[in-house]
Amino acid sequence: MNVQVDSTYTHNIEKLVRKVCMLSQEPGETHENGCLRASSLQCLSAMVWLMTEFSHIFADFDEVSYFLFFLAGLVH
């Protein structure tokens, strides 16, 4: 995502937000789930960068916000 020169693929990437958030909340404390959460967080970070770079807020931005608050322990 960091190599985008314009917002051509923004809508395609936007479709992934809900799926990435769902993957990141898989239950369990296994090593695989920890890696999945870390990868999801990296992906969401790149998505937030993309939104700021091209001034395009994803329709599912509330999902990203909820997930980040969930990780921070602010939402249960």
PDB file of N, CA and C in Angstrom:
ATOM      1  N   MET A   1       0.801  -1.186   0.000  1.00  0.00           N
ATOM      2  CA  MET A   1       0.000   0.000   0.000  1.00  0.00           C
ATOM      3  C   MET A   1       0.850   1.258   0.000  1.00  0.00           C
ATOM      4  N   ASN A   2       2.012   1.185   0.588  1.00  0.00           N
ATOM      5  CA  ASN A   2       2.838   2.381   0.699  1.00  0.00           C
ATOM      6  C   ASN A   2       3.445   2.832  -0.619  1.00  0.00           C
ATOM      7  N   VAL A   3       3.277   2.072  -1.671  1.00  0.00           N
ATOM      8  CA  VAL A   3       3.833   2.462  -2.963  1.00  0.00           C
ATOM      9  C   VAL A   3       2.767   3.013  -3.909  1.00  0.00           C
ATOM     10  N   GLN A   4       1.581   3.275  -3.395  1.00  0.00           N
ATOM     11  CA  GLN A   4       0.515   3.841  -4.210  1.00  0.00           C
ATOM     12  C   GLN A   4       0.914   5.254  -4.642  1.00  0.00           C
ATOM     13  N   VAL A   5       0.745   5.571  -5.911  1.00  0.00           N
ATOM     14  CA  VAL A   5       1.039   6.924  -6.389  1.00  0.00           C
ATOM     15  C   VAL A   5      -0.235   7.737  -6.559  1.00  0.00           C
ATOM     16  N   ASP A   6      -1.369   7.070  -6.562  1.00  0.00           N
ATOM     17  CA  ASP A   6      -2.656   7.759  -6.591  1.00  0.00           C
ATOM     18  C   ASP A   6      -3.676   6.869  -5.896  1.00  0.00           C
ATOM     19  N   SER A   7      -4.915   7.265  -5.905  1.00  0.00           N
ATOM     20  CA  SER A   7      -5.927   6.513  -5.158  1.00  0.00           C
ATOM     21  C   SER A   7      -6.680   5.507  -6.026  1.00  0.00           C
ATOM     22  N   THR A   8      -6.044   5.021  -7.069  1.00  0.00           N
ATOM     23  CA  THR A   8      -6.684   4.094  -7.999  1.00  0.00           C
ATOM     24  C   THR A   8      -7.249   2.862  -7.302  1.00  0.00           C
ATOM     25  N   TYR A   9      -6.505   2.274  -6.408  1.00  0.00           N
ATOM     26  CA  TYR A   9      -6.909   1.019  -5.785  1.00  0.00           C
ATOM     27  C   TYR A   9      -7.533   1.205  -4.402  1.00  0.00           C
ATOM     28  N   THR A  10      -7.809   2.436  -4.030  1.00  0.00           N
ATOM     29  CA  THR A  10      -8.343   2.717  -2.702  1.00  0.00           C
ATOM     30  C   THR A  10      -9.626   1.947  -2.428  1.00  0.00           C
ATOM     31  N   HIS A  11     -10.533   1.913  -3.383  1.00  0.00           N
ATOM     32  CA  HIS A  11     -11.804   1.231  -3.164  1.00  0.00           C
ATOM     33  C   HIS A  11     -11.623  -0.281  -3.048  1.00  0.00           C
ATOM     34  N   ASN A  12     -10.651  -0.843  -3.760  1.00  0.00           N
ATOM     35  CA  ASN A  12     -10.370  -2.274  -3.617  1.00  0.00           C
ATOM     36  C   ASN A  12      -9.810  -2.582  -2.230  1.00  0.00           C
ATOM     37  N   ILE A  13      -8.932  -1.722  -1.760  1.00  0.00           N
ATOM     38  CA  ILE A  13      -8.333  -1.913  -0.442  1.00  0.00           C
ATOM     39  C   ILE A  13      -9.390  -1.715   0.643  1.00  0.00           C
ATOM     40  N   GLU A  14     -10.287  -0.760   0.411  1.00  0.00           N
ATOM     41  CA  GLU A  14     -11.336  -0.462   1.384  1.00  0.00           C
ATOM     42  C   GLU A  14     -12.206  -1.683   1.678  1.00  0.00           C
ATOM     43  N   LYS A  15     -12.386  -2.531   0.697  1.00  0.00           N
ATOM     44  CA  LYS A  15     -13.206  -3.736   0.874  1.00  0.00           C
ATOM     45  C   LYS A  15     -12.576  -4.727   1.853  1.00  0.00           C
ATOM     46  N   LEU A  16     -11.294  -4.584   2.115  1.00  0.00           N
ATOM     47  CA  LEU A  16     -10.588  -5.503   3.007  1.00  0.00           C
ATOM     48  C   LEU A  16     -10.687  -5.130   4.482  1.00  0.00           C
ATOM     49  N   VAL A  17     -11.121  -3.905   4.788  1.00  0.00           N
ATOM     50  CA  VAL A  17     -11.110  -3.425   6.171  1.00  0.00           C
ATOM     51  C   VAL A  17     -11.859  -4.364   7.098  1.00  0.00           C
ATOM     52  N   ARG A  18     -13.094  -4.669   6.788  1.00  0.00           N
ATOM     53  CA  ARG A  18     -13.922  -5.505   7.662  1.00  0.00           C
ATOM     54  C   ARG A  18     -13.310  -6.900   7.822  1.00  0.00           C
ATOM     55  N   LYS A  19     -12.755  -7.453   6.741  1.00  0.00           N
ATOM     56  CA  LYS A  19     -12.162  -8.793   6.817  1.00  0.00           C
ATOM     57  C   LYS A  19     -10.923  -8.798   7.704  1.00  0.00           C
ATOM     58  N   VAL A  20     -10.092  -7.759   7.575  1.00  0.00           N
ATOM     59  CA  VAL A  20      -8.882  -7.680   8.397  1.00  0.00           C
ATOM     60  C   VAL A  20      -9.259  -7.528   9.867  1.00  0.00           C
ATOM     61  N   CYS A  21     -10.254  -6.708  10.151  1.00  0.00           N
ATOM     62  CA  CYS A  21     -10.696  -6.530  11.538  1.00  0.00           C
ATOM     63  C   CYS A  21     -11.242  -7.834  12.111  1.00  0.00           C
ATOM     64  N   MET A  22     -11.975  -8.590  11.306  1.00  0.00           N
ATOM     65  CA  MET A  22     -12.511  -9.872  11.775  1.00  0.00           C
ATOM     66  C   MET A  22     -11.383 -10.865  12.053  1.00  0.00           C
ATOM     67  N   LEU A  23     -10.406 -10.920  11.165  1.00  0.00           N
ATOM     68  CA  LEU A  23      -9.273 -11.830  11.367  1.00  0.00           C
ATOM     69  C   LEU A  23      -8.495 -11.481  12.632  1.00  0.00           C
ATOM     70  N   SER A  24      -8.388 -10.211  12.902  1.00  0.00           N
ATOM     71  CA  SER A  24      -7.588  -9.774  14.047  1.00  0.00           C
ATOM     72  C   SER A  24      -8.236 -10.114  15.374  1.00  0.00           C
ATOM     73  N   GLN A  25      -9.514 -10.418  15.374  1.00  0.00           N
ATOM     74  CA  GLN A  25     -10.221 -10.704  16.615  1.00  0.00           C
ATOM     75  C   GLN A  25     -10.492 -12.192  16.815  1.00  0.00           C
ATOM     76  N   GLU A  26      -9.751 -13.036  16.128  1.00  0.00           N
ATOM     77  CA  GLU A  26      -9.889 -14.473  16.311  1.00  0.00           C
ATOM     78  C   GLU A  26      -9.611 -14.819  17.766  1.00  0.00           C
ATOM     79  N   PRO A  27     -10.465 -15.621  18.385  1.00  0.00           N
ATOM     80  CA  PRO A  27     -10.270 -15.959  19.799  1.00  0.00           C
ATOM     81  C   PRO A  27      -9.087 -16.898  20.010  1.00  0.00           C
ATOM     82  N   GLY A  28      -8.543 -16.840  21.187  1.00  0.00           N
ATOM     83  CA  GLY A  28      -7.446 -17.742  21.542  1.00  0.00           C
ATOM     84  C   GLY A  28      -6.143 -16.995  21.730  1.00  0.00           C
ATOM     85  N   GLU A  29      -5.259 -17.607  22.479  1.00  0.00           N
ATOM     86  CA  GLU A  29      -3.968 -16.990  22.783  1.00  0.00           C
ATOM     87  C   GLU A  29      -2.812 -17.814  22.216  1.00  0.00           C
ATOM     88  N   THR A  30      -3.012 -18.433  21.073  1.00  0.00           N
ATOM     89  CA  THR A  30      -1.948 -19.230  20.467  1.00  0.00           C
ATOM     90  C   THR A  30      -0.940 -18.325  19.778  1.00  0.00           C
ATOM     91  N   HIS A  31       0.201 -18.879  19.453  1.00  0.00           N
ATOM     92  CA  HIS A  31       1.235 -18.135  18.731  1.00  0.00           C
ATOM     93  C   HIS A  31       0.699 -17.655  17.382  1.00  0.00           C
ATOM     94  N   GLU A  32      -0.067 -18.509  16.713  1.00  0.00           N
ATOM     95  CA  GLU A  32      -0.611 -18.158  15.404  1.00  0.00           C
ATOM     96  C   GLU A  32      -1.561 -16.966  15.500  1.00  0.00           C
ATOM     97  N   ASN A  33      -2.388 -16.942  16.545  1.00  0.00           N
ATOM     98  CA  ASN A  33      -3.322 -15.827  16.720  1.00  0.00           C
ATOM     99  C   ASN A  33      -2.581 -14.532  17.049  1.00  0.00           C
ATOM    100  N   GLY A  34      -1.500 -14.644  17.799  1.00  0.00           N
ATOM    101  CA  GLY A  34      -0.678 -13.468  18.087  1.00  0.00           C
ATOM    102  C   GLY A  34      -0.070 -12.901  16.817  1.00  0.00           C
ATOM    103  N   CYS A  35       0.412 -13.796  15.963  1.00  0.00           N
ATOM    104  CA  CYS A  35       0.973 -13.360  14.673  1.00  0.00           C
ATOM    105  C   CYS A  35      -0.106 -12.758  13.781  1.00  0.00           C
ATOM    106  N   LEU A  36      -1.286 -13.341  13.810  1.00  0.00           N
ATOM    107  CA  LEU A  36      -2.401 -12.837  13.018  1.00  0.00           C
ATOM    108  C   LEU A  36      -2.798 -11.441  13.485  1.00  0.00           C
ATOM    109  N   ARG A  37      -2.837 -11.225  14.804  1.00  0.00           N
ATOM    110  CA  ARG A  37      -3.167  -9.898  15.327  1.00  0.00           C
ATOM    111  C   ARG A  37      -2.099  -8.880  14.942  1.00  0.00           C
ATOM    112  N   ALA A  38      -0.845  -9.276  15.034  1.00  0.00           N
ATOM    113  CA  ALA A  38       0.247  -8.362  14.680  1.00  0.00           C
ATOM    114  C   ALA A  38       0.191  -8.002  13.198  1.00  0.00           C
ATOM    115  N   SER A  39      -0.048  -8.975  12.354  1.00  0.00           N
ATOM    116  CA  SER A  39      -0.149  -8.723  10.916  1.00  0.00           C
ATOM    117  C   SER A  39      -1.347  -7.839  10.596  1.00  0.00           C
ATOM    118  N   SER A  40      -2.444  -8.084  11.280  1.00  0.00           N
ATOM    119  CA  SER A  40      -3.645  -7.276  11.073  1.00  0.00           C
ATOM    120  C   SER A  40      -3.392  -5.832  11.473  1.00  0.00           C
ATOM    121  N   LEU A  41      -2.678  -5.635  12.573  1.00  0.00           N
ATOM    122  CA  LEU A  41      -2.370  -4.288  13.026  1.00  0.00           C
ATOM    123  C   LEU A  41      -1.472  -3.565  12.025  1.00  0.00           C
ATOM    124  N   GLN A  42      -0.515  -4.269  11.449  1.00  0.00           N
ATOM    125  CA  GLN A  42       0.335  -3.674  10.422  1.00  0.00           C
ATOM    126  C   GLN A  42      -0.484  -3.288   9.196  1.00  0.00           C
ATOM    127  N   CYS A  43      -1.401  -4.149   8.813  1.00  0.00           N
ATOM    128  CA  CYS A  43      -2.260  -3.890   7.664  1.00  0.00           C
ATOM    129  C   CYS A  43      -3.154  -2.671   7.928  1.00  0.00           C
ATOM    130  N   LEU A  44      -3.760  -2.621   9.105  1.00  0.00           N
ATOM    131  CA  LEU A  44      -4.615  -1.492   9.443  1.00  0.00           C
ATOM    132  C   LEU A  44      -3.818  -0.193   9.525  1.00  0.00           C
ATOM    133  N   SER A  45      -2.596  -0.282   9.994  1.00  0.00           N
ATOM    134  CA  SER A  45      -1.731   0.897  10.038  1.00  0.00           C
ATOM    135  C   SER A  45      -1.481   1.424   8.628  1.00  0.00           C
ATOM    136  N   ALA A  46      -1.224   0.524   7.695  1.00  0.00           N
ATOM    137  CA  ALA A  46      -1.017   0.935   6.307  1.00  0.00           C
ATOM    138  C   ALA A  46      -2.295   1.524   5.713  1.00  0.00           C
ATOM    139  N   MET A  47      -3.441   0.983   6.112  1.00  0.00           N
ATOM    140  CA  MET A  47      -4.715   1.516   5.620  1.00  0.00           C
ATOM    141  C   MET A  47      -4.961   2.929   6.138  1.00  0.00           C
ATOM    142  N   VAL A  48      -4.627   3.169   7.411  1.00  0.00           N
ATOM    143  CA  VAL A  48      -4.781   4.515   7.969  1.00  0.00           C
ATOM    144  C   VAL A  48      -3.837   5.471   7.254  1.00  0.00           C
ATOM    145  N   TRP A  49      -2.615   5.033   6.992  1.00  0.00           N
ATOM    146  CA  TRP A  49      -1.675   5.865   6.228  1.00  0.00           C
ATOM    147  C   TRP A  49      -2.264   6.212   4.877  1.00  0.00           C
ATOM    148  N   LEU A  50      -2.846   5.226   4.199  1.00  0.00           N
ATOM    149  CA  LEU A  50      -3.433   5.445   2.873  1.00  0.00           C
ATOM    150  C   LEU A  50      -4.573   6.459   2.945  1.00  0.00           C
ATOM    151  N   MET A  51      -5.398   6.348   3.988  1.00  0.00           N
ATOM    152  CA  MET A  51      -6.505   7.292   4.135  1.00  0.00           C
ATOM    153  C   MET A  51      -5.988   8.718   4.300  1.00  0.00           C
ATOM    154  N   THR A  52      -4.932   8.896   5.078  1.00  0.00           N
ATOM    155  CA  THR A  52      -4.409  10.248   5.292  1.00  0.00           C
ATOM    156  C   THR A  52      -3.673  10.756   4.058  1.00  0.00           C
ATOM    157  N   GLU A  53      -2.988   9.878   3.372  1.00  0.00           N
ATOM    158  CA  GLU A  53      -2.217  10.277   2.196  1.00  0.00           C
ATOM    159  C   GLU A  53      -3.113  10.782   1.071  1.00  0.00           C
ATOM    160  N   PHE A  54      -4.254  10.129   0.874  1.00  0.00           N
ATOM    161  CA  PHE A  54      -5.128  10.474  -0.242  1.00  0.00           C
ATOM    162  C   PHE A  54      -6.441  11.121   0.201  1.00  0.00           C
ATOM    163  N   SER A  55      -6.512  11.515   1.463  1.00  0.00           N
ATOM    164  CA  SER A  55      -7.702  12.191   2.003  1.00  0.00           C
ATOM    165  C   SER A  55      -8.983  11.446   1.671  1.00  0.00           C
ATOM    166  N   HIS A  56      -8.954  10.143   1.879  1.00  0.00           N
ATOM    167  CA  HIS A  56     -10.121   9.308   1.614  1.00  0.00           C
ATOM    168  C   HIS A  56     -10.400   8.473   2.856  1.00  0.00           C
ATOM    169  N   ILE A  57     -11.493   8.764   3.542  1.00  0.00           N
ATOM    170  CA  ILE A  57     -11.851   8.012   4.743  1.00  0.00           C
ATOM    171  C   ILE A  57     -12.706   6.823   4.330  1.00  0.00           C
ATOM    172  N   PHE A  58     -12.278   5.635   4.719  1.00  0.00           N
ATOM    173  CA  PHE A  58     -13.015   4.421   4.382  1.00  0.00           C
ATOM    174  C   PHE A  58     -14.377   4.415   5.058  1.00  0.00           C
ATOM    175  N   ALA A  59     -15.348   3.831   4.409  1.00  0.00           N
ATOM    176  CA  ALA A  59     -16.705   3.734   4.960  1.00  0.00           C
ATOM    177  C   ALA A  59     -16.708   2.937   6.262  1.00  0.00           C
ATOM    178  N   ASP A  60     -15.828   1.956   6.379  1.00  0.00           N
ATOM    179  CA  ASP A  60     -15.757   1.118   7.581  1.00  0.00           C
ATOM    180  C   ASP A  60     -14.703   1.610   8.566  1.00  0.00           C
ATOM    181  N   PHE A  61     -14.435   2.905   8.556  1.00  0.00           N
ATOM    182  CA  PHE A  61     -13.419   3.447   9.455  1.00  0.00           C
ATOM    183  C   PHE A  61     -13.770   3.197  10.917  1.00  0.00           C
ATOM    184  N   ASP A  62     -15.058   3.150  11.234  1.00  0.00           N
ATOM    185  CA  ASP A  62     -15.461   2.871  12.613  1.00  0.00           C
ATOM    186  C   ASP A  62     -14.993   1.489  13.055  1.00  0.00           C
ATOM    187  N   GLU A  63     -14.912   0.535  12.108  1.00  0.00           N
ATOM    188  CA  GLU A  63     -14.383  -0.806  12.428  1.00  0.00           C
ATOM    189  C   GLU A  63     -12.914  -0.716  12.840  1.00  0.00           C
ATOM    190  N   VAL A  64     -12.148   0.095  12.122  1.00  0.00           N
ATOM    191  CA  VAL A  64     -10.729   0.276  12.437  1.00  0.00           C
ATOM    192  C   VAL A  64     -10.596   0.913  13.811  1.00  0.00           C
ATOM    193  N   SER A  65     -11.377   1.949  14.066  1.00  0.00           N
ATOM    194  CA  SER A  65     -11.326   2.634  15.365  1.00  0.00           C
ATOM    195  C   SER A  65     -11.666   1.671  16.490  1.00  0.00           C
ATOM    196  N   TYR A  66     -12.737   0.901  16.323  1.00  0.00           N
ATOM    197  CA  TYR A  66     -13.146  -0.056  17.361  1.00  0.00           C
ATOM    198  C   TYR A  66     -12.030  -1.069  17.621  1.00  0.00           C
ATOM    199  N   PHE A  67     -11.427  -1.588  16.549  1.00  0.00           N
ATOM    200  CA  PHE A  67     -10.369  -2.578  16.717  1.00  0.00           C
ATOM    201  C   PHE A  67      -9.189  -1.994  17.491  1.00  0.00           C
ATOM    202  N   LEU A  68      -8.798  -0.776  17.174  1.00  0.00           N
ATOM    203  CA  LEU A  68      -7.665  -0.162  17.867  1.00  0.00           C
ATOM    204  C   LEU A  68      -7.996   0.094  19.340  1.00  0.00           C
ATOM    205  N   PHE A  69      -9.221   0.522  19.624  1.00  0.00           N
ATOM    206  CA  PHE A  69      -9.633   0.696  21.017  1.00  0.00           C
ATOM    207  C   PHE A  69      -9.698  -0.659  21.726  1.00  0.00           C
ATOM    208  N   PHE A  70     -10.123  -1.684  21.016  1.00  0.00           N
ATOM    209  CA  PHE A  70     -10.183  -3.041  21.568  1.00  0.00           C
ATOM    210  C   PHE A  70      -8.789  -3.504  21.963  1.00  0.00           C
ATOM    211  N   LEU A  71      -7.818  -3.272  21.089  1.00  0.00           N
ATOM    212  CA  LEU A  71      -6.439  -3.668  21.391  1.00  0.00           C
ATOM    213  C   LEU A  71      -5.871  -2.897  22.582  1.00  0.00           C
ATOM    214  N   ALA A  72      -6.262  -1.649  22.677  1.00  0.00           N
ATOM    215  CA  ALA A  72      -5.753  -0.816  23.772  1.00  0.00           C
ATOM    216  C   ALA A  72      -6.444  -1.121  25.093  1.00  0.00           C
ATOM    217  N   GLY A  73      -7.477  -1.952  25.059  1.00  0.00           N
ATOM    218  CA  GLY A  73      -8.193  -2.324  26.266  1.00  0.00           C
ATOM    219  C   GLY A  73      -9.241  -1.291  26.675  1.00  0.00           C
ATOM    220  N   LEU A  74      -9.587  -0.382  25.773  1.00  0.00           N
ATOM    221  CA  LEU A  74     -10.569   0.650  26.097  1.00  0.00           C
ATOM    222  C   LEU A  74     -11.995   0.200  25.835  1.00  0.00           C
ATOM    223  N   VAL A  75     -12.158  -0.908  25.087  1.00  0.00           N
ATOM    224  CA  VAL A  75     -13.481  -1.452  24.780  1.00  0.00           C
ATOM    225  C   VAL A  75     -13.435  -2.940  25.082  1.00  0.00           C
ATOM    226  N   HIS A  76     -14.526  -3.464  25.621  1.00  0.00           N
ATOM    227  CA  HIS A  76     -14.580  -4.907  25.940  1.00  0.00           C
ATOM    228  C   HIS A  76     -15.650  -5.575  25.148  1.00  0.00           C
TER     229      HIS A  76
END
